[in-house]
Amino acid sequence: MSKNKTQPEEKGFFEKIKETIEEFWEGTKETAEDLKDKAEDKIDDLKEKVSSKKTTVAKKATTEKASVAKKSAATTEEAKKEVANIKETAAAKAKTVTDKAKATTAAAKKTADDVKAKAATKAKTVTNKAKTEVAAVKKAAAPKAKAAAAKPAATAKKKTTNAK
C-alpha cells in the first residue's frame, strides 16, 4: 500500500468551523469598511452644512454686535446730553437760591441794623431822661437834706445842754 491517497482528504469538523468563521470575519470586515466609508461621507456632509451655518450665524452675530454698539452709543450720547441739561439746571437753581439767600441775608442785616440803631437811640433818650430826672430830684432833695442835716445838729446841741 502506498502512503499517498488518491482521494481528497476530508476536512474535519473544526476545520469547517474555522473556514466558516473566516468567511463571516471577511464579510464583517467588508461591511465594516463600507460602514466606515459611509460614516466618513456623512461626517463630511455634516461638516459642510455646519460650516455654512456658522458663517451665517457669524454674519448675523456681527450685524447684531454692530447694531448693539450703535444703540449703546446713541443711549450713551442721550444720557450725556441729559446729564449736561441737569447740571445746567442745577447750576441755575443753585445760583438763584444763592442770590435769594444773599438778598434775604442782606435784608435781615439791614433790619437788624435798623433795630439796633432804634434801640441805641431809645436807650440814649431814656438815659438822658433818667439823668435829667435824677438831677431834678437831687436839686429838690438838696434843700431838704440841708434842713434835715441842720435839725439833727440843733437837736444834738439841745441834748448836750440838757444833759449838763
C-alpha atoms as a PDB file:
ATOM      1  CA  MET A   1       0.000   0.000   0.000  1.00  0.00           C
ATOM      2  CA  SER A   2       1.090   3.365  -0.775  1.00  0.00           C
ATOM      3  CA  LYS A   3       1.015   6.169   1.548  1.00  0.00           C
ATOM      4  CA  ASN A   4      -0.334   8.675  -0.962  1.00  0.00           C
ATOM      5  CA  LYS A   5      -4.050   8.782  -1.160  1.00  0.00           C
ATOM      6  CA  THR A   6      -5.788   9.410  -4.453  1.00  0.00           C
ATOM      7  CA  GLN A   7      -8.916  10.847  -2.919  1.00  0.00           C
ATOM      8  CA  PRO A   8      -9.007  14.292  -1.442  1.00  0.00           C
ATOM      9  CA  GLU A   9      -8.784  14.474   2.263  1.00  0.00           C
ATOM     10  CA  GLU A  10     -11.908  15.160   4.102  1.00  0.00           C
ATOM     11  CA  LYS A  11     -11.826  18.167   6.315  1.00  0.00           C
ATOM     12  CA  GLY A  12     -12.503  17.761   9.926  1.00  0.00           C
ATOM     13  CA  PHE A  13     -15.261  19.374  11.932  1.00  0.00           C
ATOM     14  CA  PHE A  14     -13.067  22.108  13.442  1.00  0.00           C
ATOM     15  CA  GLU A  15     -11.552  22.994  10.103  1.00  0.00           C
ATOM     16  CA  LYS A  16     -15.040  23.504   8.658  1.00  0.00           C
ATOM     17  CA  ILE A  17     -15.969  25.766  11.582  1.00  0.00           C
ATOM     18  CA  LYS A  18     -12.725  27.652  11.155  1.00  0.00           C
ATOM     19  CA  GLU A  19     -13.444  28.286   7.468  1.00  0.00           C
ATOM     20  CA  THR A  20     -16.995  29.414   8.272  1.00  0.00           C
ATOM     21  CA  ILE A  21     -15.714  31.820  10.881  1.00  0.00           C
ATOM     22  CA  GLU A  22     -13.136  33.197   8.428  1.00  0.00           C
ATOM     23  CA  GLU A  23     -15.877  33.780   5.866  1.00  0.00           C
ATOM     24  CA  PHE A  24     -18.006  35.589   8.449  1.00  0.00           C
ATOM     25  CA  TRP A  25     -14.996  37.604   9.517  1.00  0.00           C
ATOM     26  CA  GLU A  26     -14.146  38.678   5.971  1.00  0.00           C
ATOM     27  CA  GLY A  27     -17.801  39.608   5.354  1.00  0.00           C
ATOM     28  CA  THR A  28     -17.865  41.565   8.560  1.00  0.00           C
ATOM     29  CA  LYS A  29     -14.638  43.358   7.602  1.00  0.00           C
ATOM     30  CA  GLU A  30     -16.082  44.357   4.249  1.00  0.00           C
ATOM     31  CA  THR A  31     -19.301  45.523   5.877  1.00  0.00           C
ATOM     32  CA  ALA A  32     -17.344  47.494   8.492  1.00  0.00           C
ATOM     33  CA  GLU A  33     -15.247  49.171   5.780  1.00  0.00           C
ATOM     34  CA  ASP A  34     -18.403  50.067   3.848  1.00  0.00           C
ATOM     35  CA  LEU A  35     -19.985  51.494   7.008  1.00  0.00           C
ATOM     36  CA  LYS A  36     -16.793  53.417   7.773  1.00  0.00           C
ATOM     37  CA  ASP A  37     -16.780  54.968   4.278  1.00  0.00           C
ATOM     38  CA  LYS A  38     -20.463  55.910   4.575  1.00  0.00           C
ATOM     39  CA  ALA A  39     -19.885  57.440   8.026  1.00  0.00           C
ATOM     40  CA  GLU A  40     -16.941  59.484   6.730  1.00  0.00           C
ATOM     41  CA  ASP A  41     -19.060  60.758   3.846  1.00  0.00           C
ATOM     42  CA  LYS A  42     -21.887  61.643   6.203  1.00  0.00           C
ATOM     43  CA  ILE A  43     -19.475  63.427   8.589  1.00  0.00           C
ATOM     44  CA  ASP A  44     -18.047  65.442   5.687  1.00  0.00           C
ATOM     45  CA  ASP A  45     -21.563  66.440   4.593  1.00  0.00           C
ATOM     46  CA  LEU A  46     -22.462  67.490   8.118  1.00  0.00           C
ATOM     47  CA  LYS A  47     -19.250  69.496   8.462  1.00  0.00           C
ATOM     48  CA  GLU A  48     -20.046  71.367   5.268  1.00  0.00           C
ATOM     49  CA  LYS A  49     -23.572  72.147   6.454  1.00  0.00           C
ATOM     50  CA  VAL A  50     -22.338  73.270   9.862  1.00  0.00           C
ATOM     51  CA  SER A  51     -19.601  75.463   8.407  1.00  0.00           C
ATOM     52  CA  SER A  52     -22.120  77.187   6.123  1.00  0.00           C
ATOM     53  CA  LYS A  53     -24.439  77.711   9.096  1.00  0.00           C
ATOM     54  CA  LYS A  54     -21.521  79.007  11.149  1.00  0.00           C
ATOM     55  CA  THR A  55     -20.788  81.675   8.583  1.00  0.00           C
ATOM     56  CA  THR A  56     -24.413  82.802   8.523  1.00  0.00           C
ATOM     57  CA  VAL A  57     -24.511  82.821  12.313  1.00  0.00           C
ATOM     58  CA  ALA A  58     -21.219  84.714  12.405  1.00  0.00           C
ATOM     59  CA  LYS A  59     -22.587  87.253   9.930  1.00  0.00           C
ATOM     60  CA  LYS A  60     -25.745  87.642  11.987  1.00  0.00           C
ATOM     61  CA  ALA A  61     -23.716  87.987  15.174  1.00  0.00           C
ATOM     62  CA  THR A  62     -21.520  90.623  13.568  1.00  0.00           C
ATOM     63  CA  THR A  63     -24.520  92.645  12.432  1.00  0.00           C
ATOM     64  CA  GLU A  64     -26.130  92.284  15.856  1.00  0.00           C
ATOM     65  CA  LYS A  65     -22.923  93.436  17.533  1.00  0.00           C
ATOM     66  CA  ALA A  66     -22.811  96.465  15.280  1.00  0.00           C
ATOM     67  CA  SER A  67     -26.449  97.335  15.961  1.00  0.00           C
ATOM     68  CA  VAL A  68     -25.954  96.886  19.705  1.00  0.00           C
ATOM     69  CA  ALA A  69     -22.867  99.089  19.577  1.00  0.00           C
ATOM     70  CA  LYS A  70     -24.821 101.782  17.693  1.00  0.00           C
ATOM     71  CA  LYS A  71     -27.702 101.585  20.157  1.00  0.00           C
ATOM     72  CA  SER A  72     -25.392 101.787  23.152  1.00  0.00           C
ATOM     73  CA  ALA A  73     -23.545 104.731  21.616  1.00  0.00           C
ATOM     74  CA  ALA A  74     -26.833 106.516  20.982  1.00  0.00           C
ATOM     75  CA  THR A  75     -28.034 105.778  24.513  1.00  0.00           C
ATOM     76  CA  THR A  76     -24.751 106.977  25.962  1.00  0.00           C
ATOM     77  CA  GLU A  77     -24.947 110.181  23.945  1.00  0.00           C
ATOM     78  CA  GLU A  78     -28.514 110.807  25.101  1.00  0.00           C
ATOM     79  CA  ALA A  79     -27.509 110.166  28.692  1.00  0.00           C
ATOM     80  CA  LYS A  80     -24.618 112.618  28.402  1.00  0.00           C
ATOM     81  CA  LYS A  81     -26.928 115.280  26.976  1.00  0.00           C
ATOM     82  CA  GLU A  82     -29.435 114.665  29.772  1.00  0.00           C
ATOM     83  CA  VAL A  83     -26.687 114.920  32.394  1.00  0.00           C
ATOM     84  CA  ALA A  84     -25.463 118.173  30.862  1.00  0.00           C
ATOM     85  CA  ASN A  85     -29.010 119.593  30.927  1.00  0.00           C
ATOM     86  CA  ILE A  86     -29.477 118.520  34.523  1.00  0.00           C
ATOM     87  CA  LYS A  87     -26.157 120.075  35.510  1.00  0.00           C
ATOM     88  CA  GLU A  88     -27.094 123.363  33.840  1.00  0.00           C
ATOM     89  CA  THR A  89     -30.495 123.367  35.504  1.00  0.00           C
ATOM     90  CA  ALA A  90     -28.971 122.545  38.879  1.00  0.00           C
ATOM     91  CA  ALA A  91     -26.363 125.296  38.486  1.00  0.00           C
ATOM     92  CA  ALA A  92     -29.056 127.827  37.577  1.00  0.00           C
ATOM     93  CA  LYS A  93     -31.223 126.791  40.513  1.00  0.00           C
ATOM     94  CA  ALA A  94     -28.247 126.900  42.859  1.00  0.00           C
ATOM     95  CA  LYS A  95     -27.387 130.396  41.661  1.00  0.00           C
ATOM     96  CA  THR A  96     -30.992 131.526  42.085  1.00  0.00           C
ATOM     97  CA  VAL A  97     -31.162 130.086  45.590  1.00  0.00           C
ATOM     98  CA  THR A  98     -27.794 131.624  46.488  1.00  0.00           C
ATOM     99  CA  ASP A  99     -28.849 135.030  45.194  1.00  0.00           C
ATOM    100  CA  LYS A 100     -32.142 134.812  47.060  1.00  0.00           C
ATOM    101  CA  ALA A 101     -30.333 133.795  50.246  1.00  0.00           C
ATOM    102  CA  LYS A 102     -27.918 136.708  49.868  1.00  0.00           C
ATOM    103  CA  ALA A 103     -30.801 139.123  49.360  1.00  0.00           C
ATOM    104  CA  THR A 104     -32.636 137.720  52.374  1.00  0.00           C
ATOM    105  CA  THR A 105     -29.471 137.909  54.470  1.00  0.00           C
ATOM    106  CA  ALA A 106     -28.841 141.496  53.388  1.00  0.00           C
ATOM    107  CA  ALA A 107     -32.431 142.450  54.223  1.00  0.00           C
ATOM    108  CA  ALA A 108     -32.147 140.746  57.603  1.00  0.00           C
ATOM    109  CA  LYS A 109     -28.865 142.548  58.335  1.00  0.00           C
ATOM    110  CA  LYS A 110     -30.412 145.880  57.357  1.00  0.00           C
ATOM    111  CA  THR A 111     -33.417 145.220  59.581  1.00  0.00           C
ATOM    112  CA  ALA A 112     -31.137 144.178  62.417  1.00  0.00           C
ATOM    113  CA  ASP A 113     -29.025 147.312  61.963  1.00  0.00           C
ATOM    114  CA  ASP A 114     -32.197 149.472  61.953  1.00  0.00           C
ATOM    115  CA  VAL A 115     -33.423 147.789  65.123  1.00  0.00           C
ATOM    116  CA  LYS A 116     -30.005 148.287  66.726  1.00  0.00           C
ATOM    117  CA  ALA A 117     -29.958 151.940  65.794  1.00  0.00           C
ATOM    118  CA  LYS A 118     -33.500 152.448  67.115  1.00  0.00           C
ATOM    119  CA  ALA A 119     -32.607 150.616  70.321  1.00  0.00           C
ATOM    120  CA  ALA A 120     -29.459 152.720  70.765  1.00  0.00           C
ATOM    121  CA  THR A 121     -31.407 155.932  70.142  1.00  0.00           C
ATOM    122  CA  LYS A 122     -34.122 154.902  72.570  1.00  0.00           C
ATOM    123  CA  ALA A 123     -31.523 153.873  75.148  1.00  0.00           C
ATOM    124  CA  LYS A 124     -29.840 157.264  74.847  1.00  0.00           C
ATOM    125  CA  THR A 125     -33.192 159.007  75.164  1.00  0.00           C
ATOM    126  CA  VAL A 126     -34.117 157.003  78.251  1.00  0.00           C
ATOM    127  CA  THR A 127     -30.671 157.552  79.760  1.00  0.00           C
ATOM    128  CA  ASN A 128     -30.838 161.307  79.190  1.00  0.00           C
ATOM    129  CA  LYS A 129     -34.354 161.454  80.611  1.00  0.00           C
ATOM    130  CA  ALA A 130     -33.253 159.476  83.648  1.00  0.00           C
ATOM    131  CA  LYS A 131     -30.261 161.767  84.139  1.00  0.00           C
ATOM    132  CA  THR A 132     -32.450 164.846  83.968  1.00  0.00           C
ATOM    133  CA  GLU A 133     -34.940 163.351  86.391  1.00  0.00           C
ATOM    134  CA  VAL A 134     -32.146 162.355  88.768  1.00  0.00           C
ATOM    135  CA  ALA A 135     -30.714 165.856  88.556  1.00  0.00           C
ATOM    136  CA  ALA A 136     -34.142 167.357  89.247  1.00  0.00           C
ATOM    137  CA  VAL A 137     -34.652 165.038  92.210  1.00  0.00           C
ATOM    138  CA  LYS A 138     -31.200 165.917  93.545  1.00  0.00           C
ATOM    139  CA  LYS A 139     -31.947 169.610  93.268  1.00  0.00           C
ATOM    140  CA  ALA A 140     -35.227 169.152  95.028  1.00  0.00           C
ATOM    141  CA  ALA A 141     -33.702 166.941  97.673  1.00  0.00           C
ATOM    142  CA  ALA A 142     -30.715 169.193  98.391  1.00  0.00           C
ATOM    143  CA  PRO A 143     -32.580 171.894 100.384  1.00  0.00           C
ATOM    144  CA  LYS A 144     -34.456 169.239 102.304  1.00  0.00           C
ATOM    145  CA  ALA A 145     -31.231 167.438 103.068  1.00  0.00           C
ATOM    146  CA  LYS A 146     -29.639 170.627 104.361  1.00  0.00           C
ATOM    147  CA  ALA A 147     -32.630 171.297 106.570  1.00  0.00           C
ATOM    148  CA  ALA A 148     -32.615 167.729 107.813  1.00  0.00           C
ATOM    149  CA  ALA A 149     -28.900 167.920 108.475  1.00  0.00           C
ATOM    150  CA  ALA A 150     -29.325 171.143 110.379  1.00  0.00           C
ATOM    151  CA  LYS A 151     -32.122 169.792 112.563  1.00  0.00           C
ATOM    152  CA  PRO A 152     -30.177 166.916 113.957  1.00  0.00           C
ATOM    153  CA  ALA A 153     -27.293 169.232 114.758  1.00  0.00           C
ATOM    154  CA  ALA A 154     -29.628 171.556 116.632  1.00  0.00           C
ATOM    155  CA  THR A 155     -31.280 168.662 118.352  1.00  0.00           C
ATOM    156  CA  ALA A 156     -27.910 167.351 119.318  1.00  0.00           C
ATOM    157  CA  LYS A 157     -26.965 170.689 120.880  1.00  0.00           C
ATOM    158  CA  LYS A 158     -30.133 170.705 122.926  1.00  0.00           C
ATOM    159  CA  LYS A 159     -29.472 167.274 124.203  1.00  0.00           C
ATOM    160  CA  THR A 160     -25.944 168.073 125.202  1.00  0.00           C
ATOM    161  CA  THR A 161     -27.096 171.231 127.057  1.00  0.00           C
ATOM    162  CA  ASN A 162     -29.884 169.362 128.806  1.00  0.00           C
ATOM    163  CA  ALA A 163     -27.520 166.709 129.934  1.00  0.00           C
ATOM    164  CA  LYS A 164     -25.364 169.249 131.784  1.00  0.00           C
END
